[in-house]
Protein backbone atom coordinates (compact mmCIF):
# COMPACT_ATOMS: atom_id res chain seq x y z
CA MET A 1 34.04 22.99 19.70
CA ASP A 2 35.93 20.46 17.58
CA VAL A 3 35.34 21.47 13.95
CA MET A 4 35.41 17.88 12.63
CA HIS A 5 32.82 16.85 15.21
CA SER A 6 30.62 19.81 14.34
CA MET A 7 30.88 18.92 10.65
CA ALA A 8 29.77 15.36 11.44
CA VAL A 9 26.80 16.69 13.43
CA PHE A 10 25.87 19.07 10.59
CA ARG A 11 26.01 16.23 8.08
CA ARG A 12 23.66 14.07 10.16
CA VAL A 13 21.22 16.96 10.69
CA VAL A 14 21.03 17.46 6.93
CA GLU A 15 20.51 13.75 6.28
CA ALA A 16 17.98 13.22 9.08
CA LYS A 17 16.27 16.58 8.43
CA ASN A 18 15.63 16.75 12.13
CA PHE A 19 17.56 18.15 15.12
CA SER A 20 15.83 16.02 17.75
CA ALA A 21 16.48 12.78 15.85
CA VAL A 22 20.20 13.53 15.70
CA ALA A 23 20.18 14.44 19.39
CA ARG A 24 18.70 11.04 20.26
CA GLU A 25 21.05 9.23 17.91
CA THR A 26 24.19 10.89 19.31
CA ASN A 27 23.09 11.03 22.97
CA MET A 28 23.34 14.83 22.96
CA SER A 29 20.77 17.39 23.95
CA GLN A 30 18.96 19.20 21.17
CA SER A 31 20.52 22.46 22.34
CA THR A 32 24.01 20.94 22.01
CA VAL A 33 23.23 19.90 18.42
CA SER A 34 22.08 23.45 17.72
CA LYS A 35 25.29 24.84 19.24
CA HIS A 36 27.38 22.74 16.85
CA ILE A 37 25.52 24.21 13.87
CA ALA A 38 25.74 27.72 15.29
CA ALA A 39 29.49 27.31 15.85
CA LEU A 40 29.99 26.35 12.22
CA GLU A 41 27.88 29.27 10.99
CA GLU A 42 29.85 31.69 13.15
CA ARG A 43 33.16 30.23 11.98
CA LEU A 44 32.12 30.45 8.31
CA GLY A 45 30.33 33.77 8.63
CA THR A 46 27.25 32.52 6.79
CA LYS A 47 23.95 30.80 7.48
CA LEU A 48 23.86 27.07 6.64
CA LEU A 49 20.28 26.14 7.56
CA ASN A 50 16.89 27.82 7.49
CA ARG A 51 14.90 26.24 10.30
CA SER A 52 11.22 26.57 11.20
CA THR A 53 8.93 24.61 13.51
CA ARG A 54 7.96 22.29 10.64
CA SER A 55 10.84 22.25 8.20
CA LEU A 56 14.58 22.44 7.83
CA LYS A 57 16.17 23.59 4.56
CA LEU A 58 19.72 24.13 3.44
CA THR A 59 20.79 27.53 2.22
CA GLU A 60 22.85 27.69 -0.97
CA ALA A 61 25.98 27.98 1.16
CA GLY A 62 24.73 25.09 3.27
CA LYS A 63 24.32 22.84 0.22
CA GLU A 64 27.87 23.55 -0.90
CA TYR A 65 29.28 23.07 2.60
CA TYR A 66 27.37 19.79 3.07
CA HIS A 67 29.06 18.24 0.03
CA HIS A 68 32.45 19.43 1.27
CA CYS A 69 31.68 17.86 4.66
CA ILE A 70 30.92 14.49 3.08
CA ARG A 71 34.22 14.49 1.18
CA ILE A 72 36.31 15.72 4.12
CA LEU A 73 34.79 13.34 6.66
CA ASN A 74 35.06 10.36 4.33
CA ASP A 75 38.67 11.21 3.49
CA PHE A 76 39.49 11.61 7.17
CA HIS A 77 38.07 8.22 8.13
CA GLU A 78 39.58 6.55 5.09
CA ALA A 79 43.02 7.92 6.01
CA GLU A 80 42.71 6.61 9.56
CA ALA A 81 41.57 3.20 8.37
CA SER A 82 44.34 2.95 5.77
CA VAL A 83 47.25 4.12 7.92
CA GLY A 84 46.02 2.47 11.06
CA LYS A 85 44.90 -0.80 9.50
CA GLY A 86 45.53 -3.58 11.98
CA LYS A 87 46.34 -1.04 14.70
CA ILE A 88 43.12 0.91 15.25
CA LYS A 89 40.43 -1.16 16.92
CA PRO A 90 36.88 -0.91 15.54
CA THR A 91 34.93 1.36 17.86
CA GLY A 92 31.64 3.21 18.15
CA THR A 93 27.95 2.41 17.96
CA LEU A 94 26.82 0.26 15.05
CA ARG A 95 23.18 0.94 14.10
CA ILE A 96 21.64 -2.11 12.41
CA SER A 97 18.22 -2.36 10.79
CA THR A 98 16.77 -5.86 10.48
CA SER A 99 13.46 -7.66 10.51
CA ALA A 100 12.32 -8.77 13.95
CA ALA A 101 12.30 -12.40 12.79
CA PHE A 102 15.90 -12.43 11.57
CA GLY A 103 17.15 -10.23 14.38
CA LYS A 104 15.70 -12.36 17.16
CA THR A 105 16.40 -15.74 15.54
CA CYS A 106 19.78 -15.28 13.85
CA LEU A 107 21.42 -12.08 15.11
CA LEU A 108 20.78 -11.85 18.84
CA PRO A 109 21.98 -15.42 19.62
CA ASN A 110 25.38 -14.56 18.10
CA LEU A 111 25.94 -11.12 19.61
CA LYS A 112 27.69 -12.42 22.72
CA GLU A 113 30.45 -13.83 20.52
CA PHE A 114 30.64 -10.58 18.54
CA PHE A 115 30.89 -8.47 21.72
CA THR A 116 33.70 -10.70 22.96
CA ALA A 117 35.61 -10.28 19.71
CA TYR A 118 34.98 -6.52 19.47
CA PRO A 119 34.62 -5.08 22.99
CA ASP A 120 34.69 -1.44 21.78
CA ILE A 121 31.67 -1.74 19.46
CA ASP A 122 28.16 -1.08 20.77
CA ILE A 123 25.06 -2.28 18.90
CA ASP A 124 21.85 -0.34 18.36
CA LEU A 125 19.30 -2.74 16.82
CA LEU A 126 16.24 -1.42 15.02
CA PHE A 127 13.60 -4.07 14.30
CA ASP A 128 11.48 -3.10 11.30
CA ASP A 129 10.00 -5.30 8.58
CA HIS A 130 9.61 -2.29 6.26
CA TYR A 131 12.47 -0.95 4.19
CA ILE A 132 13.67 2.33 5.70
CA ASP A 133 15.90 5.11 4.41
CA LEU A 134 19.32 4.20 5.81
CA VAL A 135 20.87 7.61 5.24
CA LYS A 136 17.98 9.61 6.67
CA GLU A 137 17.70 7.35 9.74
CA GLY A 138 21.45 7.17 10.32
CA ILE A 139 21.61 3.41 9.84
CA ASP A 140 25.07 1.91 9.30
CA LEU A 141 23.96 -1.51 8.12
CA ALA A 142 20.73 -3.30 7.17
CA ILE A 143 20.04 -7.01 6.76
CA ARG A 144 17.58 -7.69 3.96
CA ILE A 145 16.17 -11.03 2.85
CA GLY A 146 14.77 -11.60 -0.61
CA PRO A 147 14.86 -9.57 -3.84
CA LEU A 148 16.48 -6.15 -3.46
CA ALA A 149 14.95 -2.95 -4.75
CA ASP A 150 17.08 -0.88 -7.10
CA SER A 151 18.91 1.78 -5.11
CA SER A 152 22.20 3.54 -4.55
CA LEU A 153 22.94 1.23 -1.62
CA ILE A 154 25.79 -1.27 -1.63
CA ALA A 155 24.75 -4.89 -1.05
CA ARG A 156 26.90 -7.85 -0.08
CA LYS A 157 25.47 -11.35 -0.05
CA ILE A 158 26.14 -13.01 3.29
CA GLY A 159 24.02 -16.14 2.92
CA THR A 160 21.00 -17.94 1.52
CA SER A 161 17.69 -18.59 3.23
CA PRO A 162 15.93 -21.82 2.19
CA ARG A 163 12.15 -21.73 2.64
CA VAL A 164 9.54 -24.37 3.40
CA VAL A 165 5.79 -24.79 2.96
CA VAL A 166 4.17 -25.49 6.32
CA ALA A 167 0.80 -26.13 7.92
CA SER A 168 -0.41 -27.14 11.36
CA PRO A 169 -1.33 -30.77 12.09
CA ASP A 170 -4.93 -29.68 12.80
CA TYR A 171 -5.22 -27.91 9.45
CA LEU A 172 -3.98 -30.97 7.58
CA VAL A 173 -6.45 -33.23 9.40
CA LYS A 174 -9.36 -30.96 8.50
CA HIS A 175 -8.39 -29.99 4.97
CA GLY A 176 -6.04 -32.69 3.71
CA ARG A 177 -2.40 -32.57 2.63
CA PRO A 178 -1.46 -31.04 -0.75
CA LYS A 179 0.67 -33.35 -2.88
CA LYS A 180 1.76 -30.88 -5.54
CA PRO A 181 1.86 -27.05 -5.82
CA ALA A 182 -1.30 -26.94 -7.97
CA ASP A 183 -3.23 -28.43 -5.02
CA LEU A 184 -2.61 -25.20 -3.08
CA GLU A 185 -5.24 -23.48 -5.22
CA LYS A 186 -7.87 -25.36 -3.21
CA HIS A 187 -6.47 -24.27 0.18
CA ASP A 188 -6.42 -21.18 2.38
CA CYS A 189 -2.96 -19.65 2.08
CA LEU A 190 -1.44 -16.99 4.31
CA PHE A 191 0.36 -14.04 2.73
CA TYR A 192 3.31 -11.91 3.82
CA SER A 193 1.95 -8.59 2.59
CA LEU A 194 5.29 -6.78 2.24
CA GLN A 195 6.31 -9.02 -0.65
CA LYS A 196 5.91 -7.62 -4.16
CA SER A 197 3.48 -10.39 -5.24
CA PRO A 198 2.48 -12.16 -2.01
CA ASP A 199 -0.06 -14.46 -3.70
CA LEU A 200 2.36 -15.73 -6.37
CA TRP A 201 4.43 -18.62 -5.00
CA TYR A 202 7.47 -19.99 -6.85
CA PHE A 203 8.72 -23.57 -6.54
CA ASN A 204 11.79 -25.54 -7.64
CA SER A 205 11.59 -29.28 -8.30
CA THR A 206 14.42 -31.53 -9.45
CA GLN A 207 11.92 -33.60 -11.43
CA GLU A 208 9.49 -31.03 -12.82
CA GLY A 209 11.61 -27.87 -12.87
CA ASP A 210 10.46 -24.39 -11.83
CA GLU A 211 6.83 -23.38 -11.58
CA SER A 212 4.69 -20.63 -10.12
CA ILE A 213 1.24 -20.93 -8.54
CA ARG A 214 -1.29 -18.20 -7.88
CA VAL A 215 -2.79 -18.96 -4.47
CA SER A 216 -5.59 -17.35 -2.48
CA GLY A 217 -6.53 -16.88 1.15
CA ARG A 218 -8.34 -14.67 3.61
CA LEU A 219 -5.44 -13.45 5.75
CA LYS A 220 -2.34 -11.40 5.01
CA ALA A 221 0.01 -9.71 7.47
CA SER A 222 3.13 -7.55 7.38
CA SER A 223 4.94 -9.62 10.03
CA PRO A 224 6.49 -13.09 9.61
CA ASP A 225 5.76 -13.68 13.30
CA ALA A 226 2.06 -13.09 12.70
CA ILE A 227 2.05 -15.38 9.65
CA CYS A 228 3.78 -18.11 11.65
CA ASP A 229 1.38 -17.76 14.59
CA ALA A 230 -1.61 -17.86 12.25
CA THR A 231 -0.25 -21.03 10.62
CA ILE A 232 0.20 -22.69 14.01
CA GLU A 233 -3.40 -21.74 14.85
CA GLY A 234 -4.58 -23.64 11.76
CA LEU A 235 -5.70 -20.64 9.72
CA GLY A 236 -3.96 -21.80 6.57
CA ILE A 237 -0.79 -22.81 4.75
CA SER A 238 2.24 -20.54 4.58
CA VAL A 239 5.77 -20.30 3.23
CA LEU A 240 8.35 -19.50 5.92
CA CYS A 241 12.12 -19.21 6.03
CA GLU A 242 13.51 -22.51 7.25
CA TRP A 243 15.56 -20.96 10.04
CA PHE A 244 12.43 -19.26 11.35
CA ALA A 245 10.13 -22.30 11.18
CA LYS A 246 12.71 -24.81 12.43
CA LYS A 247 11.88 -24.76 16.14
CA HIS A 248 8.13 -24.98 15.50
CA ILE A 249 8.69 -27.97 13.20
CA GLN A 250 10.84 -29.67 15.83
CA GLN A 251 8.13 -29.05 18.44
CA GLY A 252 5.49 -30.58 16.18
CA LYS A 253 3.49 -27.36 15.89
CA LEU A 254 4.12 -27.21 12.13
CA LYS A 255 4.48 -29.86 9.46
CA VAL A 256 6.51 -29.48 6.29
CA ILE A 257 4.43 -30.24 3.21
CA LEU A 258 5.39 -30.55 -0.46
CA PRO A 259 8.96 -31.66 0.45
CA ASP A 260 9.73 -32.41 -3.21
CA TYR A 261 8.76 -28.89 -4.28
CA ARG A 262 10.93 -26.34 -2.56
CA PRO A 263 9.92 -22.67 -2.56
CA THR A 264 12.57 -20.52 -4.22
CA ALA A 265 15.29 -19.70 -1.67
CA TYR A 266 15.99 -16.08 -0.76
CA ASP A 267 19.40 -14.44 -0.70
CA ILE A 268 20.42 -12.64 2.49
CA HIS A 269 22.25 -9.35 1.96
CA ALA A 270 24.07 -6.91 4.18
CA VAL A 271 23.23 -3.46 2.80
CA TYR A 272 24.90 -0.15 3.58
CA PRO A 273 25.02 3.39 2.15
CA GLU A 274 27.33 3.99 -0.78
CA ARG A 275 30.58 5.66 0.21
CA ARG A 276 34.29 5.33 -0.46
CA PHE A 277 35.07 4.60 3.16
CA VAL A 278 33.28 1.73 4.86
CA PRO A 279 33.70 1.99 8.66
CA GLN A 280 35.64 -0.80 10.33
CA LYS A 281 32.67 -1.58 12.59
CA VAL A 282 30.53 -2.23 9.48
CA LYS A 283 33.19 -4.40 7.84
CA ARG A 284 33.66 -6.49 10.98
CA MET A 285 29.92 -7.14 11.35
CA ILE A 286 29.55 -8.14 7.69
CA GLU A 287 32.47 -10.56 8.01
CA PHE A 288 31.06 -11.93 11.25
CA LEU A 289 27.57 -12.52 9.82
CA GLY A 290 29.09 -14.05 6.69
CA ASN A 291 30.56 -16.78 8.88
CA LYS A 292 27.31 -17.34 10.79
CA VAL A 293 24.65 -17.33 8.08
CA ASP A 294 24.30 -20.36 5.78
CA LYS A 295 25.64 -19.79 2.27
């Protein structure tokens, strides 16, 4: 077996802590993944992993070898990218984690153009509104909207996401239209539960400056799609990203309220694991999205 390939498989097994996950990720059988590890252990004359039905742990030799693998593999790819810059085409499968809302609304409609520009890159999209461990799950790139948690990840801003306060026409007929943020305290508001403080809404006004309002409501959900659907059904008032609410506003299903008080806009970041070498496929996608997402 190719030693460099086996080293790459070993690295992913350590990071994923799971043979079957790496097998699915690399389109290999689980036995083939095991053979790569066994080949390395035979070559080195030492055991790298202690494996049971429930756990997988590195030996002391395995820990040392894992760190050498990271350095060697990164140096190898960095050398190829540096020497072959402009000559080597970006290739391989690019695994992207994104929210379902952003992925379906902003990413999928542009992929045809990306595939045309980069015919040797395949895309594996993972839709998940929760933050996931990029290294453990083997994710190359994640798109995250809003405040970022402190981490060892590298983040590049690719755009800004304006937000709007919306309600259905039926809700406004029954409950009236708020004229200022303080009026929201008398209304049912819908919360995106994955936010740090979902019931604390921030507004910017050119006339009155910044302010925050503590709102209340009976429904919260971990999906922007669910919040949007609930708003359309007249269950309350919500704050949605403008790009997500746009089509529903155009169709008359939602009405923008408080136009003079804009919810604080969110930054959109492309996030990837920290490393000296950033794969060409990751760089090309970040550049591509940077030209597609509003700044």
